[in-house]
Protein backbone atom coordinates (compact mmCIF):
# COMPACT_ATOMS: atom_id res chain seq x y z
CA MET A 1 -4.49 -172.02 165.25
CA ALA A 2 -3.95 -175.18 163.97
CA ASN A 3 -0.90 -175.76 166.14
CA ASN A 4 -3.08 -176.80 168.87
CA GLY A 5 -4.42 -180.01 166.90
CA LEU A 6 -0.78 -180.43 165.69
CA GLU A 7 0.59 -180.97 169.21
CA GLU A 8 -2.69 -183.01 170.61
CA LYS A 9 -2.08 -185.86 167.74
CA ILE A 10 1.97 -185.73 167.41
CA GLY A 11 3.34 -184.14 170.86
CA ASP A 12 6.23 -182.08 171.00
CA ASP A 13 7.33 -183.23 167.75
CA ILE A 14 6.29 -180.58 165.28
CA HIS A 15 5.64 -177.10 166.25
CA SER A 16 5.24 -174.09 164.11
CA GLY A 17 7.66 -171.48 163.21
CA SER A 18 8.45 -167.97 161.21
CA ASP A 19 11.89 -167.66 159.30
CA GLU A 20 12.54 -165.49 162.30
CA HIS A 21 13.10 -168.42 164.23
CA VAL A 22 16.23 -169.03 165.71
CA ASP A 23 16.65 -172.74 166.02
CA PRO A 24 19.35 -173.73 169.17
CA ASN A 25 21.00 -176.29 167.25
CA VAL A 26 22.14 -174.06 164.46
CA GLU A 27 25.41 -172.49 164.47
CA GLY A 28 27.13 -170.10 162.04
CA GLU A 29 30.72 -169.77 161.77
CA ASN A 30 33.23 -168.49 158.75
CA ARG A 31 30.70 -165.76 157.79
CA ASN A 32 31.12 -165.04 154.51
CA GLU A 33 34.30 -166.60 154.28
CA GLY A 34 34.31 -170.10 152.17
CA ALA A 35 31.06 -169.88 150.88
CA GLN A 36 29.83 -172.75 148.93
CA ASP A 37 33.59 -174.23 149.64
CA PRO A 38 33.28 -177.55 147.98
CA ASN A 39 35.80 -179.23 149.99
CA LEU A 40 34.15 -179.15 152.96
CA GLY A 41 34.88 -182.44 155.48
CA GLU A 42 36.39 -183.66 158.44
CA LYS A 43 39.65 -181.20 158.27
CA ASP A 44 36.72 -178.89 159.47
CA VAL A 45 35.28 -180.48 162.36
CA GLY A 46 37.10 -180.49 165.47
CA LYS A 47 37.61 -181.20 169.15
CA GLU A 48 35.33 -178.49 170.38
CA ASP A 49 32.55 -180.35 168.26
CA LEU A 50 33.29 -183.43 170.09
CA ASP A 51 33.09 -181.66 173.55
CA MET A 52 29.29 -180.94 173.17
CA VAL A 53 28.47 -184.73 172.68
CA GLN A 54 27.75 -186.95 175.83
CA HIS A 55 30.67 -190.28 175.02
CA PRO A 56 30.58 -192.92 174.57
CA HIS A 57 27.94 -193.22 172.54
CA ASN A 58 26.92 -195.45 169.49
CA ASP A 59 23.80 -193.24 168.25
CA ALA A 60 22.17 -192.35 164.96
CA LEU A 61 22.33 -188.62 163.90
CA VAL A 62 18.47 -187.42 164.91
CA ILE A 63 18.01 -183.88 164.22
CA THR A 64 14.88 -180.83 164.20
CA LEU A 65 14.49 -179.08 160.98
CA LYS A 66 11.86 -176.80 160.11
CA ILE A 67 9.64 -178.51 157.06
CA GLY A 68 7.27 -175.60 155.64
CA LYS A 69 6.37 -173.83 158.14
CA PHE A 70 6.88 -176.05 160.76
CA GLN A 71 9.86 -177.37 163.01
CA VAL A 72 9.68 -180.99 163.01
CA ARG A 73 11.76 -183.25 165.84
CA ARG A 74 12.76 -186.94 165.41
CA ILE A 75 14.24 -186.58 161.82
CA LEU A 76 17.31 -189.47 160.89
CA VAL A 77 19.57 -188.95 158.92
CA ASP A 78 20.57 -192.12 156.65
CA GLN A 79 23.09 -192.07 154.43
CA GLY A 80 22.16 -195.83 153.43
CA ASN A 81 18.78 -194.49 152.26
CA SER A 82 18.00 -193.67 148.68
CA CYS A 83 15.21 -191.33 149.08
CA ASP A 84 13.48 -189.01 151.75
CA ILE A 85 10.83 -190.31 153.94
CA MET A 86 8.06 -188.77 155.40
CA TYR A 87 5.76 -191.12 157.98
CA VAL A 88 2.05 -190.27 157.54
CA THR A 89 1.50 -188.87 160.93
CA CYS A 90 4.25 -186.28 160.24
CA TYR A 91 2.27 -185.56 157.20
CA LYS A 92 -0.97 -185.24 158.65
CA GLY A 93 0.20 -183.46 161.33
CA LEU A 94 1.93 -180.35 159.20
CA GLY A 95 -1.52 -180.22 158.19
CA LEU A 96 -1.33 -182.04 154.65
CA HIS A 97 -4.14 -184.10 153.30
CA LEU A 98 -3.78 -187.75 151.50
CA ASP A 99 -5.50 -186.18 148.89
CA ASP A 100 -3.06 -183.85 147.77
CA LEU A 101 -0.18 -186.80 147.09
CA GLU A 102 1.34 -187.15 143.71
CA GLN A 103 0.40 -190.55 142.80
CA SER A 104 4.15 -193.31 143.19
CA ASN A 105 3.86 -196.93 142.09
CA ASN A 106 7.01 -197.94 143.60
CA PRO A 107 7.89 -200.02 146.30
CA MET A 108 10.40 -199.39 148.82
CA VAL A 109 12.51 -202.43 149.77
CA GLY A 110 13.88 -201.87 153.16
CA PHE A 111 16.90 -204.59 154.74
CA ASN A 112 14.66 -207.17 154.93
CA GLY A 113 13.94 -207.59 151.48
CA THR A 114 9.61 -206.99 152.22
CA PRO A 115 8.09 -204.17 150.03
CA THR A 116 5.99 -201.46 151.35
CA TRP A 117 3.83 -199.22 149.10
CA SER A 118 4.19 -195.41 149.10
CA LEU A 119 0.70 -193.69 149.84
CA GLY A 120 2.47 -191.38 147.05
CA ALA A 121 5.06 -188.30 147.01
CA THR A 122 4.71 -184.56 147.74
CA ASN A 123 7.67 -181.85 147.45
CA LEU A 124 7.93 -179.58 150.68
CA GLU A 125 10.52 -176.99 151.80
CA VAL A 126 13.42 -178.32 154.16
CA GLN A 127 15.52 -175.56 155.77
CA ALA A 128 18.71 -176.26 157.92
CA GLY A 129 20.16 -173.38 159.05
CA THR A 130 19.83 -170.75 156.25
CA LYS A 131 19.51 -173.24 153.55
CA LYS A 132 16.33 -174.02 152.05
CA VAL A 133 15.92 -176.67 149.64
CA SER A 134 12.52 -178.08 148.04
CA THR A 135 12.59 -181.62 148.55
CA GLU A 136 10.73 -184.65 147.53
CA PHE A 137 9.26 -186.74 150.13
CA THR A 138 7.87 -190.47 149.68
CA VAL A 139 4.77 -190.32 152.13
CA ILE A 140 4.12 -194.07 153.93
CA ASP A 141 2.12 -195.68 156.36
CA THR A 142 4.27 -197.70 158.54
CA PRO A 143 5.12 -197.61 162.38
CA SER A 144 8.33 -195.52 163.08
CA PRO A 145 10.20 -193.66 166.50
CA TYR A 146 10.73 -191.56 163.24
CA ASN A 147 8.73 -188.30 161.60
CA VAL A 148 11.14 -188.14 158.80
CA ILE A 149 14.10 -190.12 157.06
CA LEU A 150 16.24 -187.74 155.07
CA GLY A 151 18.22 -189.64 152.99
CA ARG A 152 20.84 -189.07 150.20
CA GLN A 153 19.22 -187.32 147.65
CA TRP A 154 18.81 -184.33 150.51
CA LEU A 155 22.25 -184.79 152.07
CA HIS A 156 23.80 -184.44 148.34
CA ALA A 157 21.34 -181.31 147.50
CA ILE A 158 22.29 -179.47 150.37
CA ARG A 159 25.78 -180.62 149.96
CA VAL A 160 26.07 -181.52 153.51
CA VAL A 161 28.88 -183.75 155.67
CA PRO A 162 26.92 -185.55 158.07
CA SER A 163 29.16 -187.23 161.02
CA THR A 164 27.21 -189.33 163.84
CA LEU A 165 30.31 -189.07 166.10
CA HIS A 166 30.10 -185.45 166.06
CA GLN A 167 26.59 -185.57 166.36
CA LEU A 168 25.96 -182.73 163.48
CA LEU A 169 25.66 -182.02 159.69
CA ARG A 170 27.76 -179.33 158.05
CA PHE A 171 27.02 -177.94 155.07
CA PRO A 172 28.27 -174.48 152.98
CA THR A 173 25.87 -172.03 152.32
CA GLU A 174 26.54 -168.01 150.61
CA HIS A 175 26.90 -167.10 154.43
CA GLY A 176 29.87 -169.60 154.98
CA ILE A 177 29.82 -173.30 156.76
CA GLU A 178 27.13 -173.40 158.83
CA LYS A 179 26.05 -176.32 161.77
CA VAL A 180 22.96 -178.37 162.62
CA ARG A 181 23.70 -180.14 165.94
CA GLY A 182 21.88 -183.64 166.59
CA ASP A 183 19.35 -183.94 168.99
CA GLN A 184 21.00 -186.13 171.17
CA VAL A 185 19.29 -187.09 174.71
């Protein structure tokens, strides 16, 4: 199976998975109550959410989600990022080919003002809990400790409330409010 090559290339960061995979970082609550609640916010995060986090911390929110058919680790949730980024090592690790990328002529500019040219763009399904969203990723070839950076486009599409303090994402689904916990070490 292609998974063996993926594990050799990227180690434990990408795993093949099926729809039946149960992610231990995903929790559901209030099933069938408050589905698609637009008022999801800080009032929905409680002390019990803080009890599961190592304190004190100043950690970024790094998660594991299903992208396409694979569980991908080291996904940075970045509210300051205007687009969703996939690094080329992850893109190739998913078994995708650079020839399949849609061309993109827009440079990306980071906080230091230096432009980085993308290799192209691709649309992939990202699953958080039971919610699946088609996401356009800009693929770049630059070193990074992350496989993917999810920015405001994905955050808004899934209607998520991220919390670095609580190390979790909370979002409405047709089943109620679901959570994805961060991969805090």
